[in-house]
């Protein structure tokens, strides 16, 4: 369990179209074997420390003639942002994917000062 010491929590969220490979014949649609796509996400405000990030697929469009394999995760999480990582493998053909994300963590309040 993660304990937050601040009484001020920030919640940021967003939705990102990761790719639309069906339209332009990209690797997720035409390729096979291991494939990976990474997308940088920047938070609207900097957190005081690394927030908790949840990523999920909110839209996926896959070929019904092949096995449907997908893995989505958040990596390289830091106070400024993170990277969404989408992976597939084998004969899976992915036309499009949209990911939704939610970040929760401590943010500075009006009374928090930076003294250098």
Protein backbone atom coordinates (compact mmCIF):
# COMPACT_ATOMS: atom_id res chain seq x y z
CA UNK A 1 0.00 0.00 0.00
CA UNK A 2 1.21 3.48 -0.76
CA UNK A 3 0.70 6.11 1.94
CA UNK A 4 0.47 9.73 0.84
CA UNK A 5 1.73 12.33 3.29
CA UNK A 6 0.09 15.33 1.64
CA UNK A 7 -3.46 16.35 2.35
CA UNK A 8 -3.70 17.68 -1.21
CA UNK A 9 -4.19 15.03 -3.87
CA UNK A 10 -4.12 15.67 -7.58
CA UNK A 11 -6.05 13.53 -10.04
CA UNK A 12 -5.21 13.87 -13.73
CA UNK A 13 -6.74 11.88 -16.56
CA UNK A 14 -6.72 11.64 -20.31
CA UNK A 15 -7.47 9.68 -23.44
CA UNK A 16 -4.91 9.02 -26.18
CA UNK A 17 -5.30 7.39 -29.59
CA UNK A 18 -2.14 5.30 -29.71
CA UNK A 19 -2.31 4.43 -33.39
CA UNK A 20 -4.60 3.82 -36.37
CA UNK A 21 -2.51 1.38 -38.41
CA UNK A 22 -5.40 0.14 -40.54
CA UNK A 23 -5.54 3.50 -42.37
CA UNK A 24 -1.85 3.68 -43.28
CA UNK A 25 -0.78 0.01 -43.33
CA UNK A 26 1.31 0.30 -40.14
CA UNK A 27 3.14 -2.52 -38.39
CA UNK A 28 0.38 -3.33 -35.88
CA UNK A 29 -1.96 -4.13 -38.78
CA UNK A 30 0.40 -5.62 -41.37
CA UNK A 31 3.20 -7.09 -39.24
CA UNK A 32 3.54 -10.26 -37.22
CA UNK A 33 5.62 -11.38 -34.28
CA UNK A 34 6.46 -9.12 -31.34
CA UNK A 35 5.45 -5.47 -31.88
CA UNK A 36 5.52 -2.56 -29.48
CA UNK A 37 4.41 1.07 -29.47
CA UNK A 38 5.34 3.69 -26.86
CA UNK A 39 3.55 7.02 -26.34
CA UNK A 40 4.72 9.77 -23.98
CA UNK A 41 2.07 11.37 -21.76
CA UNK A 42 2.73 14.61 -19.86
CA UNK A 43 0.66 15.51 -16.80
CA UNK A 44 -1.15 18.86 -16.74
CA UNK A 45 0.68 19.69 -13.47
CA UNK A 46 3.82 18.27 -11.87
CA UNK A 47 3.27 15.92 -8.92
CA UNK A 48 5.44 16.13 -5.78
CA UNK A 49 6.54 12.51 -6.29
CA UNK A 50 5.79 9.63 -8.63
CA UNK A 51 1.97 9.25 -8.82
CA UNK A 52 0.02 6.05 -9.13
CA UNK A 53 -0.96 5.56 -12.80
CA UNK A 54 -3.66 3.29 -14.22
CA UNK A 55 -3.88 2.64 -17.97
CA UNK A 56 -6.65 0.79 -19.81
CA UNK A 57 -7.80 0.28 -23.38
CA UNK A 58 -10.95 2.28 -24.01
CA UNK A 59 -11.21 1.29 -27.70
CA UNK A 60 -9.63 -1.54 -29.58
CA UNK A 61 -10.26 -2.61 -33.15
CA UNK A 62 -8.80 -6.01 -33.99
CA UNK A 63 -9.05 -8.40 -36.91
CA UNK A 64 -11.44 -11.23 -36.04
CA UNK A 65 -9.57 -13.73 -38.23
CA UNK A 66 -6.50 -13.85 -35.95
CA UNK A 67 -5.89 -14.34 -32.24
CA UNK A 68 -6.50 -11.20 -30.19
CA UNK A 69 -3.43 -10.58 -28.05
CA UNK A 70 -2.72 -7.29 -26.30
CA UNK A 71 -0.76 -5.95 -23.36
CA UNK A 72 -0.95 -2.34 -22.16
CA UNK A 73 0.97 -0.77 -19.30
CA UNK A 74 2.48 2.40 -17.88
CA UNK A 75 6.27 2.62 -17.66
CA UNK A 76 8.85 5.26 -16.77
CA UNK A 77 6.42 6.99 -14.38
CA UNK A 78 7.78 10.21 -12.88
CA UNK A 79 6.28 13.45 -11.46
CA UNK A 80 6.04 15.01 -14.96
CA UNK A 81 4.52 12.11 -16.93
CA UNK A 82 4.88 8.51 -18.08
CA UNK A 83 4.99 6.29 -21.15
CA UNK A 84 2.06 4.15 -22.32
CA UNK A 85 3.35 0.86 -23.74
CA UNK A 86 1.17 -1.27 -26.03
CA UNK A 87 2.39 -4.71 -27.11
CA UNK A 88 1.08 -7.48 -29.28
CA UNK A 89 2.62 -10.62 -30.76
CA UNK A 90 2.05 -13.61 -33.01
CA UNK A 91 -0.41 -13.21 -35.88
CA UNK A 92 -2.57 -10.58 -34.11
CA UNK A 93 -3.67 -7.73 -36.38
CA UNK A 94 -4.57 -4.52 -34.57
CA UNK A 95 -6.26 -1.74 -36.53
CA UNK A 96 -6.64 0.91 -33.80
CA UNK A 97 -6.20 1.40 -30.07
CA UNK A 98 -7.23 4.21 -27.74
CA UNK A 99 -5.99 4.24 -24.14
CA UNK A 100 -7.47 6.05 -21.14
CA UNK A 101 -5.29 6.85 -18.16
CA UNK A 102 -5.68 8.10 -14.60
CA UNK A 103 -2.94 9.43 -12.31
CA UNK A 104 -3.33 10.05 -8.57
CA UNK A 105 -0.68 11.58 -6.34
CA UNK A 106 0.45 14.36 -4.06
CA UNK A 107 0.53 17.92 -5.43
CA UNK A 108 1.78 21.16 -3.94
CA UNK A 109 -0.69 23.41 -2.19
CA UNK A 110 -0.78 27.19 -2.11
CA UNK A 111 1.09 27.19 1.20
CA UNK A 112 3.93 24.95 -0.06
CA UNK A 113 6.97 27.08 -0.89
CA UNK A 114 10.21 26.27 -2.65
CA UNK A 115 13.08 27.93 -0.79
CA UNK A 116 16.43 27.69 -2.53
